[in-house]
């Protein structure tokens, strides 16, 4: 996202179970130009942690970060954004609910924007397999795969290298199985 947002400030909508951590990190980063962010916090546990996190960072956000508590199945995408990120937001949803959430998210991605999705398919919390899920995303456009271990795009005939043999083994497994990766779809600019 650092190169993506280099030309103009971004609006980002994060749907996750991270209490707003991703958005806070983006807003405080000197490397990414995020104008404003919205987090739909779908975590159902640790409400005290979520409230403490929100109150601690609120003074640093200068009103640029709104955090809402939401239920994934009833999520309402209220505004268009340059980037919509779904992180573990589809756990426990059936296929039709997942399709509905992805469609609603895609409708709110601004032209030229990104839909970024991370789901842990190794958790047995999904009715879908990796292939079926990727096919759902392909109806929006080409799906690019990024590592969750290192900041790199996973490509068919390109190895990510210069890491320890242990890390290389994990990267090879990640590339082969694509169970815990970021899937990114770029919406064409009008």
N, C-alpha and C. Protein backbone atom coordinates (compact mmCIF):
# COMPACT_ATOMS: atom_id res chain seq x y z
N UNK A 1 0.81 -1.19 0.00
CA UNK A 1 0.00 0.00 0.00
C UNK A 1 0.85 1.25 0.00
N UNK A 2 2.10 1.14 0.38
CA UNK A 2 2.93 2.34 0.41
C UNK A 2 3.11 2.91 -0.99
N UNK A 3 3.36 2.07 -1.99
CA UNK A 3 3.49 2.55 -3.37
C UNK A 3 2.13 2.94 -3.93
N UNK A 4 1.10 2.20 -3.55
CA UNK A 4 -0.25 2.45 -4.04
C UNK A 4 -0.73 3.85 -3.64
N UNK A 5 -0.45 4.28 -2.41
CA UNK A 5 -0.91 5.57 -1.93
C UNK A 5 0.09 6.69 -2.09
N UNK A 6 1.07 6.53 -2.95
CA UNK A 6 2.13 7.53 -3.07
C UNK A 6 1.66 8.82 -3.73
N UNK A 7 0.67 8.76 -4.61
CA UNK A 7 0.27 9.94 -5.37
C UNK A 7 -0.81 10.78 -4.71
N UNK A 8 -1.64 10.18 -3.89
CA UNK A 8 -2.70 10.93 -3.23
C UNK A 8 -3.11 10.20 -1.95
N UNK A 9 -3.67 10.93 -0.99
CA UNK A 9 -4.08 10.31 0.27
C UNK A 9 -5.18 9.29 0.05
N UNK A 10 -5.14 8.23 0.86
CA UNK A 10 -6.08 7.12 0.74
C UNK A 10 -7.15 7.18 1.82
N UNK A 11 -8.31 6.64 1.48
CA UNK A 11 -9.31 6.31 2.49
C UNK A 11 -9.33 4.79 2.57
N UNK A 12 -9.33 4.28 3.80
CA UNK A 12 -9.23 2.84 4.02
C UNK A 12 -10.34 2.39 4.96
N UNK A 13 -10.97 1.27 4.60
CA UNK A 13 -12.00 0.65 5.43
C UNK A 13 -11.50 -0.75 5.78
N UNK A 14 -11.32 -1.01 7.05
CA UNK A 14 -10.83 -2.30 7.53
C UNK A 14 -11.94 -3.02 8.28
N UNK A 15 -12.23 -4.24 7.88
CA UNK A 15 -13.17 -5.08 8.59
C UNK A 15 -12.33 -6.21 9.17
N UNK A 16 -12.20 -6.24 10.49
CA UNK A 16 -11.29 -7.20 11.10
C UNK A 16 -11.62 -7.45 12.56
N UNK A 17 -10.85 -8.35 13.13
CA UNK A 17 -10.99 -8.66 14.55
C UNK A 17 -9.77 -8.13 15.31
N UNK A 18 -9.22 -7.01 14.84
CA UNK A 18 -7.95 -6.51 15.42
C UNK A 18 -8.10 -5.24 16.27
N UNK A 19 -9.32 -4.89 16.64
CA UNK A 19 -9.61 -3.72 17.49
C UNK A 19 -9.21 -2.39 16.85
N UNK A 20 -8.90 -2.38 15.58
CA UNK A 20 -8.47 -1.16 14.90
C UNK A 20 -6.97 -1.02 14.78
N UNK A 21 -6.24 -2.08 15.08
CA UNK A 21 -4.78 -2.03 15.06
C UNK A 21 -4.22 -1.74 13.67
N UNK A 22 -4.72 -2.42 12.64
CA UNK A 22 -4.22 -2.19 11.28
C UNK A 22 -4.39 -0.72 10.89
N UNK A 23 -5.58 -0.20 11.10
CA UNK A 23 -5.85 1.18 10.69
C UNK A 23 -5.00 2.16 11.49
N UNK A 24 -4.84 1.91 12.77
CA UNK A 24 -4.00 2.77 13.60
C UNK A 24 -2.57 2.78 13.08
N UNK A 25 -2.06 1.60 12.75
CA UNK A 25 -0.71 1.50 12.20
C UNK A 25 -0.58 2.28 10.90
N UNK A 26 -1.56 2.15 10.01
CA UNK A 26 -1.52 2.87 8.74
C UNK A 26 -1.58 4.38 8.94
N UNK A 27 -2.44 4.83 9.84
CA UNK A 27 -2.58 6.27 10.08
C UNK A 27 -1.35 6.88 10.73
N UNK A 28 -0.65 6.11 11.55
CA UNK A 28 0.54 6.63 12.22
C UNK A 28 1.82 6.45 11.39
N UNK A 29 1.75 5.66 10.33
CA UNK A 29 2.92 5.37 9.52
C UNK A 29 3.36 6.60 8.70
N UNK A 30 4.65 6.88 8.70
CA UNK A 30 5.15 7.96 7.85
C UNK A 30 5.30 7.51 6.39
N UNK A 31 5.07 6.24 6.11
CA UNK A 31 5.31 5.68 4.78
C UNK A 31 4.05 5.55 3.93
N UNK A 32 2.88 5.66 4.54
CA UNK A 32 1.62 5.51 3.82
C UNK A 32 0.78 6.75 4.07
N UNK A 33 0.24 7.33 3.02
CA UNK A 33 -0.55 8.55 3.14
C UNK A 33 -2.03 8.19 3.25
N UNK A 34 -2.49 7.93 4.47
CA UNK A 34 -3.89 7.60 4.72
C UNK A 34 -4.57 8.83 5.30
N UNK A 35 -5.57 9.30 4.58
CA UNK A 35 -6.30 10.50 4.99
C UNK A 35 -7.27 10.17 6.12
N UNK A 36 -8.01 9.07 5.96
CA UNK A 36 -8.97 8.68 6.99
C UNK A 36 -9.22 7.18 6.91
N UNK A 37 -9.67 6.66 8.04
CA UNK A 37 -9.92 5.23 8.10
C UNK A 37 -11.13 4.90 8.94
N UNK A 38 -11.74 3.81 8.56
CA UNK A 38 -12.89 3.27 9.29
C UNK A 38 -12.58 1.81 9.59
N UNK A 39 -12.74 1.43 10.85
CA UNK A 39 -12.59 0.03 11.23
C UNK A 39 -13.92 -0.49 11.72
N UNK A 40 -14.38 -1.57 11.12
CA UNK A 40 -15.50 -2.32 11.66
C UNK A 40 -14.88 -3.46 12.44
N UNK A 41 -14.88 -3.33 13.76
CA UNK A 41 -14.28 -4.34 14.63
C UNK A 41 -15.30 -5.45 14.85
N UNK A 42 -14.99 -6.62 14.35
CA UNK A 42 -15.91 -7.75 14.45
C UNK A 42 -15.53 -8.71 15.57
N UNK A 43 -14.55 -8.32 16.39
CA UNK A 43 -14.15 -9.20 17.49
C UNK A 43 -15.28 -9.27 18.50
N UNK A 44 -15.51 -10.44 19.00
CA UNK A 44 -16.57 -10.62 20.00
C UNK A 44 -15.98 -10.90 21.37
N UNK A 45 -14.67 -11.00 21.42
CA UNK A 45 -13.99 -11.26 22.67
C UNK A 45 -13.16 -10.04 23.06
N UNK A 46 -12.79 -9.99 24.30
CA UNK A 46 -11.86 -8.97 24.79
C UNK A 46 -12.37 -7.55 24.57
N UNK A 47 -13.62 -7.30 24.91
CA UNK A 47 -14.20 -5.98 24.73
C UNK A 47 -13.41 -4.92 25.50
N UNK A 48 -12.91 -5.26 26.68
CA UNK A 48 -12.12 -4.32 27.47
C UNK A 48 -10.85 -3.91 26.75
N UNK A 49 -10.17 -4.88 26.13
CA UNK A 49 -8.96 -4.57 25.36
C UNK A 49 -9.30 -3.62 24.22
N UNK A 50 -10.38 -3.90 23.51
CA UNK A 50 -10.78 -3.06 22.39
C UNK A 50 -11.04 -1.62 22.85
N UNK A 51 -11.75 -1.46 23.95
CA UNK A 51 -12.05 -0.11 24.44
C UNK A 51 -10.79 0.61 24.91
N UNK A 52 -9.90 -0.11 25.60
CA UNK A 52 -8.65 0.50 26.05
C UNK A 52 -7.78 0.91 24.87
N UNK A 53 -7.71 0.06 23.87
CA UNK A 53 -6.93 0.35 22.67
C UNK A 53 -7.46 1.60 22.00
N UNK A 54 -8.76 1.64 21.82
CA UNK A 54 -9.40 2.78 21.16
C UNK A 54 -9.14 4.08 21.93
N UNK A 55 -9.32 4.06 23.23
CA UNK A 55 -9.14 5.29 24.00
C UNK A 55 -7.67 5.71 24.07
N UNK A 56 -6.75 4.77 24.09
CA UNK A 56 -5.33 5.11 24.14
C UNK A 56 -4.87 5.83 22.87
N UNK A 57 -5.30 5.31 21.71
CA UNK A 57 -4.81 5.86 20.45
C UNK A 57 -5.65 7.02 19.90
N UNK A 58 -6.84 7.22 20.43
CA UNK A 58 -7.73 8.27 19.91
C UNK A 58 -7.06 9.64 19.82
N UNK A 59 -6.31 10.09 20.82
CA UNK A 59 -5.68 11.42 20.71
C UNK A 59 -4.66 11.53 19.58
N UNK A 60 -4.10 10.42 19.17
CA UNK A 60 -3.09 10.43 18.10
C UNK A 60 -3.71 10.39 16.70
N UNK A 61 -4.98 10.09 16.62
CA UNK A 61 -5.65 9.92 15.33
C UNK A 61 -6.23 11.21 14.78
N UNK A 62 -6.34 12.24 15.60
CA UNK A 62 -6.84 13.54 15.16
C UNK A 62 -8.17 13.44 14.43
N UNK A 63 -9.04 12.55 14.91
CA UNK A 63 -10.36 12.40 14.32
C UNK A 63 -10.39 11.68 12.98
N UNK A 64 -9.27 11.09 12.57
CA UNK A 64 -9.21 10.45 11.25
C UNK A 64 -9.58 8.97 11.28
N UNK A 65 -9.84 8.40 12.47
CA UNK A 65 -10.12 6.97 12.58
C UNK A 65 -11.39 6.75 13.37
N UNK A 66 -12.36 6.14 12.71
CA UNK A 66 -13.61 5.79 13.37
C UNK A 66 -13.62 4.28 13.56
N UNK A 67 -13.95 3.83 14.78
CA UNK A 67 -14.03 2.40 15.07
C UNK A 67 -15.46 2.08 15.47
N UNK A 68 -16.05 1.13 14.75
CA UNK A 68 -17.40 0.68 15.04
C UNK A 68 -17.36 -0.79 15.44
N UNK A 69 -18.24 -1.19 16.31
CA UNK A 69 -18.40 -2.61 16.62
C UNK A 69 -19.46 -3.15 15.68
N UNK A 70 -19.14 -4.23 14.98
CA UNK A 70 -20.04 -4.73 13.94
C UNK A 70 -20.12 -6.24 13.96
N UNK A 71 -21.19 -6.75 13.40
CA UNK A 71 -21.34 -8.19 13.17
C UNK A 71 -21.14 -8.43 11.68
N UNK A 72 -20.28 -9.37 11.29
CA UNK A 72 -19.96 -9.56 9.87
C UNK A 72 -21.19 -9.77 8.97
N UNK A 73 -22.14 -10.56 9.41
CA UNK A 73 -23.28 -10.86 8.55
C UNK A 73 -24.14 -9.62 8.28
N UNK A 74 -24.13 -8.66 9.19
CA UNK A 74 -24.98 -7.46 9.06
C UNK A 74 -24.19 -6.22 8.66
N UNK A 75 -22.97 -6.40 8.26
CA UNK A 75 -22.10 -5.27 7.98
C UNK A 75 -22.64 -4.42 6.83
N UNK A 76 -22.66 -3.11 7.06
CA UNK A 76 -23.14 -2.17 6.05
C UNK A 76 -21.96 -1.31 5.62
N UNK A 77 -21.58 -1.41 4.36
CA UNK A 77 -20.49 -0.60 3.83
C UNK A 77 -21.07 0.78 3.53
N UNK A 78 -20.73 1.75 4.37
CA UNK A 78 -21.37 3.06 4.31
C UNK A 78 -20.72 4.03 3.34
N UNK A 79 -19.47 3.80 3.00
CA UNK A 79 -18.78 4.77 2.16
C UNK A 79 -17.80 4.09 1.23
N UNK A 80 -17.54 4.73 0.12
CA UNK A 80 -16.55 4.21 -0.82
C UNK A 80 -15.15 4.49 -0.26
N UNK A 81 -14.24 3.57 -0.52
CA UNK A 81 -12.87 3.69 -0.02
C UNK A 81 -11.88 3.28 -1.10
N UNK A 82 -10.66 3.81 -1.00
CA UNK A 82 -9.60 3.40 -1.92
C UNK A 82 -9.17 1.96 -1.65
N UNK A 83 -9.19 1.59 -0.38
CA UNK A 83 -8.80 0.24 0.02
C UNK A 83 -9.83 -0.29 0.99
N UNK A 84 -10.32 -1.49 0.72
CA UNK A 84 -11.15 -2.21 1.69
C UNK A 84 -10.41 -3.49 2.03
N UNK A 85 -10.19 -3.67 3.32
CA UNK A 85 -9.44 -4.83 3.82
C UNK A 85 -10.35 -5.69 4.68
N UNK A 86 -10.46 -6.95 4.31
CA UNK A 86 -11.21 -7.93 5.10
C UNK A 86 -10.19 -8.88 5.71
N UNK A 87 -10.03 -8.85 7.03
CA UNK A 87 -9.06 -9.69 7.71
C UNK A 87 -9.80 -10.57 8.71
N UNK A 88 -9.83 -11.86 8.42
CA UNK A 88 -10.56 -12.83 9.25
C UNK A 88 -12.01 -12.40 9.45
N UNK A 89 -12.58 -11.74 8.47
CA UNK A 89 -13.93 -11.19 8.57
C UNK A 89 -15.00 -12.17 8.10
N UNK A 90 -14.59 -13.26 7.50
CA UNK A 90 -15.56 -14.18 6.90
C UNK A 90 -15.71 -15.49 7.67
N UNK A 91 -15.00 -15.59 8.79
CA UNK A 91 -15.03 -16.81 9.60
C UNK A 91 -16.44 -17.07 10.11
N UNK A 92 -16.89 -18.28 9.92
CA UNK A 92 -18.20 -18.68 10.42
C UNK A 92 -19.35 -18.34 9.49
N UNK A 93 -19.09 -17.64 8.39
CA UNK A 93 -20.16 -17.31 7.44
C UNK A 93 -20.32 -18.42 6.42
N UNK A 94 -21.54 -18.63 5.96
CA UNK A 94 -21.80 -19.59 4.89
C UNK A 94 -21.43 -19.00 3.55
N UNK A 95 -21.45 -19.84 2.53
CA UNK A 95 -21.03 -19.43 1.19
C UNK A 95 -21.82 -18.22 0.68
N UNK A 96 -23.13 -18.21 0.84
CA UNK A 96 -23.93 -17.10 0.32
C UNK A 96 -23.64 -15.80 1.08
N UNK A 97 -23.40 -15.90 2.40
CA UNK A 97 -23.04 -14.71 3.18
C UNK A 97 -21.67 -14.18 2.77
N UNK A 98 -20.73 -15.09 2.50
CA UNK A 98 -19.39 -14.68 2.04
C UNK A 98 -19.49 -13.97 0.70
N UNK A 99 -20.25 -14.56 -0.22
CA UNK A 99 -20.43 -13.92 -1.53
C UNK A 99 -21.08 -12.54 -1.38
N UNK A 100 -22.07 -12.44 -0.51
CA UNK A 100 -22.74 -11.16 -0.28
C UNK A 100 -21.79 -10.12 0.28
N UNK A 101 -20.98 -10.52 1.27
CA UNK A 101 -20.01 -9.59 1.86
C UNK A 101 -19.00 -9.14 0.82
N UNK A 102 -18.47 -10.08 0.03
CA UNK A 102 -17.48 -9.72 -1.00
C UNK A 102 -18.10 -8.78 -2.03
N UNK A 103 -19.33 -9.05 -2.46
CA UNK A 103 -20.00 -8.19 -3.44
C UNK A 103 -20.21 -6.78 -2.88
N UNK A 104 -20.66 -6.69 -1.63
CA UNK A 104 -20.89 -5.36 -1.02
C UNK A 104 -19.57 -4.62 -0.86
N UNK A 105 -18.53 -5.33 -0.48
CA UNK A 105 -17.21 -4.69 -0.35
C UNK A 105 -16.74 -4.18 -1.71
N UNK A 106 -16.84 -5.02 -2.73
CA UNK A 106 -16.36 -4.64 -4.06
C UNK A 106 -17.10 -3.42 -4.60
N UNK A 107 -18.39 -3.34 -4.34
CA UNK A 107 -19.17 -2.18 -4.79
C UNK A 107 -18.66 -0.88 -4.18
N UNK A 108 -18.07 -0.97 -2.99
CA UNK A 108 -17.61 0.24 -2.30
C UNK A 108 -16.13 0.55 -2.52
N UNK A 109 -15.43 -0.29 -3.26
CA UNK A 109 -14.04 0.02 -3.63
C UNK A 109 -14.08 1.07 -4.73
N UNK A 110 -13.40 2.18 -4.50
CA UNK A 110 -13.36 3.24 -5.52
C UNK A 110 -12.62 2.75 -6.76
N UNK A 111 -12.95 3.29 -7.94
CA UNK A 111 -12.18 2.94 -9.14
C UNK A 111 -10.69 3.19 -8.90
N UNK A 112 -9.88 2.24 -9.30
CA UNK A 112 -8.45 2.31 -9.07
C UNK A 112 -8.03 1.79 -7.71
N UNK A 113 -9.01 1.35 -6.89
CA UNK A 113 -8.74 0.91 -5.53
C UNK A 113 -8.45 -0.58 -5.41
N UNK A 114 -8.28 -1.02 -4.16
CA UNK A 114 -7.91 -2.40 -3.87
C UNK A 114 -8.89 -3.04 -2.90
N UNK A 115 -9.17 -4.30 -3.15
CA UNK A 115 -9.85 -5.16 -2.18
C UNK A 115 -8.79 -6.14 -1.69
N UNK A 116 -8.52 -6.13 -0.39
CA UNK A 116 -7.49 -6.97 0.21
C UNK A 116 -8.18 -7.92 1.18
N UNK A 117 -7.96 -9.23 0.99
CA UNK A 117 -8.64 -10.22 1.82
C UNK A 117 -7.63 -11.19 2.41
N UNK A 118 -7.70 -11.37 3.72
CA UNK A 118 -6.88 -12.38 4.40
C UNK A 118 -7.81 -13.26 5.22
N UNK A 119 -7.79 -14.54 4.94
CA UNK A 119 -8.53 -15.52 5.72
C UNK A 119 -7.62 -16.71 5.97
N UNK A 120 -7.70 -17.26 7.16
CA UNK A 120 -6.91 -18.44 7.53
C UNK A 120 -7.72 -19.69 7.21
N UNK A 121 -7.44 -20.30 6.07
CA UNK A 121 -8.18 -21.49 5.67
C UNK A 121 -7.68 -22.75 6.37
N UNK A 122 -6.67 -22.62 7.20
CA UNK A 122 -6.20 -23.75 7.97
C UNK A 122 -6.94 -23.88 9.29
N UNK A 123 -7.83 -22.95 9.58
CA UNK A 123 -8.51 -22.93 10.88
C UNK A 123 -9.77 -23.78 10.93
N UNK A 124 -10.18 -24.35 9.81
CA UNK A 124 -11.41 -25.15 9.73
C UNK A 124 -12.65 -24.35 10.12
N UNK A 125 -12.60 -23.06 9.92
CA UNK A 125 -13.72 -22.19 10.26
C UNK A 125 -14.52 -21.79 9.02
N UNK A 126 -14.17 -22.38 7.88
CA UNK A 126 -14.80 -21.99 6.63
C UNK A 126 -15.46 -23.18 5.95
N UNK A 127 -16.58 -22.91 5.29
CA UNK A 127 -17.23 -23.93 4.47
C UNK A 127 -16.55 -24.06 3.12
N UNK A 128 -15.74 -23.08 2.75
CA UNK A 128 -15.11 -23.05 1.44
C UNK A 128 -13.68 -23.56 1.51
N UNK A 129 -13.20 -24.02 0.36
CA UNK A 129 -11.77 -24.32 0.27
C UNK A 129 -11.08 -23.14 -0.42
N UNK A 130 -9.77 -23.18 -0.44
CA UNK A 130 -8.98 -22.08 -1.00
C UNK A 130 -9.34 -21.81 -2.45
N UNK A 131 -9.47 -22.86 -3.23
CA UNK A 131 -9.75 -22.72 -4.66
C UNK A 131 -11.11 -22.06 -4.91
N UNK A 132 -12.14 -22.52 -4.19
CA UNK A 132 -13.47 -21.93 -4.36
C UNK A 132 -13.50 -20.46 -3.94
N UNK A 133 -12.78 -20.15 -2.86
CA UNK A 133 -12.74 -18.78 -2.39
C UNK A 133 -12.03 -17.88 -3.40
N UNK A 134 -10.91 -18.35 -3.92
CA UNK A 134 -10.17 -17.56 -4.91
C UNK A 134 -11.03 -17.35 -6.15
N UNK A 135 -11.79 -18.36 -6.55
CA UNK A 135 -12.70 -18.22 -7.70
C UNK A 135 -13.75 -17.15 -7.46
N UNK A 136 -14.23 -17.04 -6.23
CA UNK A 136 -15.20 -15.98 -5.90
C UNK A 136 -14.59 -14.61 -6.16
N UNK A 137 -13.34 -14.46 -5.77
CA UNK A 137 -12.66 -13.17 -5.96
C UNK A 137 -12.33 -12.90 -7.42
N UNK A 138 -12.08 -13.94 -8.19
CA UNK A 138 -11.69 -13.77 -9.60
C UNK A 138 -12.79 -13.16 -10.44
N UNK A 139 -14.04 -13.21 -9.98
CA UNK A 139 -15.10 -12.56 -10.76
C UNK A 139 -14.94 -11.04 -10.76
N UNK A 140 -14.15 -10.51 -9.82
CA UNK A 140 -13.89 -9.07 -9.76
C UNK A 140 -12.68 -8.68 -10.60
N UNK A 141 -11.79 -9.61 -10.84
CA UNK A 141 -10.57 -9.32 -11.59
C UNK A 141 -9.47 -10.28 -11.19
N UNK A 142 -8.28 -10.01 -11.70
CA UNK A 142 -7.12 -10.85 -11.39
C UNK A 142 -6.80 -10.79 -9.90
N UNK A 143 -6.63 -11.96 -9.31
CA UNK A 143 -6.29 -12.03 -7.89
C UNK A 143 -4.79 -12.19 -7.76
N UNK A 144 -4.17 -11.24 -7.06
CA UNK A 144 -2.74 -11.33 -6.81
C UNK A 144 -2.55 -11.82 -5.38
N UNK A 145 -1.56 -12.67 -5.19
CA UNK A 145 -1.32 -13.30 -3.91
C UNK A 145 -0.07 -12.71 -3.28
N UNK A 146 -0.18 -12.33 -1.99
CA UNK A 146 0.95 -11.78 -1.25
C UNK A 146 1.20 -12.63 0.00
N UNK A 147 2.45 -12.75 0.34
CA UNK A 147 2.86 -13.53 1.50
C UNK A 147 2.37 -12.88 2.80
N UNK A 148 2.02 -13.73 3.75
CA UNK A 148 1.72 -13.23 5.09
C UNK A 148 2.95 -13.33 5.99
N UNK A 149 4.04 -13.87 5.44
CA UNK A 149 5.28 -14.04 6.21
C UNK A 149 6.24 -12.89 5.94
N UNK A 150 6.42 -12.54 4.68
CA UNK A 150 7.28 -11.44 4.29
C UNK A 150 6.51 -10.53 3.35
N UNK A 151 6.92 -9.31 3.22
CA UNK A 151 6.22 -8.35 2.36
C UNK A 151 6.63 -8.58 0.91
N UNK A 152 6.01 -9.58 0.28
CA UNK A 152 6.37 -9.89 -1.11
C UNK A 152 5.19 -10.55 -1.82
N UNK A 153 5.10 -10.28 -3.10
CA UNK A 153 4.10 -10.90 -3.94
C UNK A 153 4.54 -12.33 -4.24
N UNK A 154 3.59 -13.26 -4.20
CA UNK A 154 3.88 -14.65 -4.54
C UNK A 154 3.59 -14.83 -6.02
N UNK A 155 4.61 -15.23 -6.77
CA UNK A 155 4.47 -15.42 -8.21
C UNK A 155 4.83 -16.85 -8.58
N UNK A 156 4.24 -17.32 -9.66
CA UNK A 156 4.36 -18.72 -10.06
C UNK A 156 5.80 -19.21 -10.17
N UNK A 157 6.61 -18.56 -10.95
CA UNK A 157 7.97 -19.06 -11.20
C UNK A 157 9.06 -18.20 -10.57
N UNK A 158 8.70 -17.49 -9.51
CA UNK A 158 9.66 -16.63 -8.84
C UNK A 158 9.74 -17.05 -7.38
N UNK A 159 10.94 -17.29 -6.92
CA UNK A 159 11.15 -17.67 -5.52
C UNK A 159 11.47 -16.44 -4.70
N UNK A 160 10.91 -16.38 -3.52
CA UNK A 160 11.29 -15.37 -2.55
C UNK A 160 12.50 -15.94 -1.84
N UNK A 161 13.61 -15.23 -1.85
CA UNK A 161 14.84 -15.82 -1.31
C UNK A 161 15.54 -14.90 -0.32
N UNK A 162 16.71 -15.29 0.08
CA UNK A 162 17.56 -14.56 1.01
C UNK A 162 17.06 -14.67 2.45
N UNK A 163 16.48 -15.79 2.80
CA UNK A 163 16.03 -16.03 4.16
C UNK A 163 16.66 -17.32 4.66
N UNK A 164 16.50 -17.58 5.93
CA UNK A 164 17.04 -18.81 6.50
C UNK A 164 16.34 -20.02 5.89
N UNK A 165 16.94 -21.18 6.03
CA UNK A 165 16.33 -22.39 5.47
C UNK A 165 14.98 -22.68 6.12
N UNK A 166 14.83 -22.35 7.38
CA UNK A 166 13.54 -22.55 8.05
C UNK A 166 12.49 -21.64 7.43
N UNK A 167 12.85 -20.38 7.23
CA UNK A 167 11.91 -19.42 6.63
C UNK A 167 11.61 -19.81 5.17
N UNK A 168 12.62 -20.26 4.46
CA UNK A 168 12.43 -20.69 3.07
C UNK A 168 11.43 -21.85 2.99
N UNK A 169 11.51 -22.77 3.94
CA UNK A 169 10.57 -23.90 3.97
C UNK A 169 9.15 -23.39 4.19
N UNK A 170 8.98 -22.44 5.12
CA UNK A 170 7.66 -21.86 5.38
C UNK A 170 7.13 -21.11 4.15
N UNK A 171 8.02 -20.39 3.48
CA UNK A 171 7.61 -19.66 2.27
C UNK A 171 7.20 -20.61 1.16
N UNK A 172 7.92 -21.72 1.02
CA UNK A 172 7.57 -22.71 0.01
C UNK A 172 6.21 -23.33 0.30
N UNK A 173 5.95 -23.63 1.57
CA UNK A 173 4.65 -24.19 1.97
C UNK A 173 3.54 -23.17 1.73
N UNK A 174 3.81 -21.92 2.08
CA UNK A 174 2.81 -20.87 1.88
C UNK A 174 2.47 -20.73 0.39
N UNK A 175 3.48 -20.75 -0.45
CA UNK A 175 3.28 -20.61 -1.89
C UNK A 175 2.47 -21.79 -2.44
N UNK A 176 2.80 -22.98 -1.97
CA UNK A 176 2.13 -24.19 -2.46
C UNK A 176 0.67 -24.26 -2.01
N UNK A 177 0.41 -24.04 -0.73
CA UNK A 177 -0.92 -24.26 -0.17
C UNK A 177 -1.83 -23.03 -0.22
N UNK A 178 -1.27 -21.86 -0.12
CA UNK A 178 -1.99 -20.58 -0.11
C UNK A 178 -3.14 -20.56 0.89
N UNK A 179 -2.89 -21.15 2.05
CA UNK A 179 -3.89 -21.20 3.12
C UNK A 179 -3.93 -19.89 3.90
N UNK A 180 -2.77 -19.30 4.16
CA UNK A 180 -2.67 -18.05 4.92
C UNK A 180 -1.92 -17.02 4.10
N UNK A 181 -2.59 -16.44 3.12
CA UNK A 181 -1.99 -15.43 2.26
C UNK A 181 -2.97 -14.27 2.10
N UNK A 182 -2.46 -13.16 1.61
CA UNK A 182 -3.31 -12.03 1.27
C UNK A 182 -3.70 -12.14 -0.19
N UNK A 183 -4.97 -12.00 -0.45
CA UNK A 183 -5.48 -11.99 -1.83
C UNK A 183 -5.91 -10.56 -2.14
N UNK A 184 -5.40 -10.02 -3.24
CA UNK A 184 -5.61 -8.61 -3.57
C UNK A 184 -6.19 -8.51 -4.98
N UNK A 185 -7.26 -7.74 -5.11
CA UNK A 185 -7.86 -7.48 -6.42
C UNK A 185 -7.87 -5.97 -6.63
N UNK A 186 -7.32 -5.56 -7.75
CA UNK A 186 -7.25 -4.13 -8.10
C UNK A 186 -8.44 -3.79 -9.00
N UNK A 187 -9.20 -2.78 -8.62
CA UNK A 187 -10.35 -2.35 -9.43
C UNK A 187 -9.85 -1.37 -10.48
N UNK A 188 -10.21 -1.59 -11.70
CA UNK A 188 -9.77 -0.73 -12.80
C UNK A 188 -10.26 0.70 -12.58
N UNK A 189 -9.39 1.63 -12.93
CA UNK A 189 -9.78 3.05 -12.86
C UNK A 189 -10.71 3.34 -14.02
N UNK A 190 -11.62 4.25 -13.81
CA UNK A 190 -12.58 4.58 -14.87
C UNK A 190 -11.95 5.48 -15.89
